[in-house]
Amino acid sequence: MRLLIIDNHDSFVHNIIGLLRDCVSRMPFQFSWNVVKNDEIPFDSIDNYDALIISPGPGLPAEASGLMKAIDLCSHTKPILGICLGCQAIAEYFGASLTHLDHPAHGHLSRLKNVDSSDPLLGCIECEAITVGRYHSWIVAKETLPPSLAVSSQDEDGNIMSVRHTELPVFGLQFHPESIISNCGADIIGGFLSIVRSQTSRAVSLG
């Protein structure tokens, strides 16, 4: 099982890799990953990967080279996990818009509210309270969310903290599971790996 991680020129990608390394000994299957900058995405060989992880990064999705093309190529063929900027890119790709926070969250700790128990990712986390680190100035505007995307969690003020596609294994996290102040980061990444494994096994059985 191979993962492609798109690095949006952000140091948090190292934390994501750290969580993946933690999961190596926890998961009952093998997996590997390759990290590429967003301006060096191997579009010609992207089909060789089983899943896509889009890292956080500065700015807006439109300013991050290659993100929309990568989502376009992968959204109907493999699981995608977008974190912060990656979440925003997923939301914009499927038709939502972003809005600027009145008070940007940088190193802010939030407790997830209204977690969707049917969400294949967050709904399976066995944690009494999921607390997450946030580092962002933009959020997905609720009123622009298309029918294809569902809100899977919110913050204390009702802002969208995560979304999922209603039919595809595509997930966006506005928060940073890889942050040191997030309490369930390894569980969330492990949950995504399990989803990828399930999708990969299903594809093999159908093929």
Foldseek 3Di string as FASTA:
>chain_A
DEEEEEDQVDPLVVLVVVLVVVCCVVDPDDYYYDYDYQVPDPPVCLVVGAEYEYEDYDDALVVRHNLLVSCVVPFVPHAYEYEQNGLRSVQVSVWWDKDFDPDFFQQDKWWWPQAALPPLQVVPDPDPIWIFTAGGGMATDPVGGDPQKDQRTATPVRTGQKIAGPPTNYIYGNTRLSDPNTDCSSSRVSSSVVVSVVSVVVVVVVD
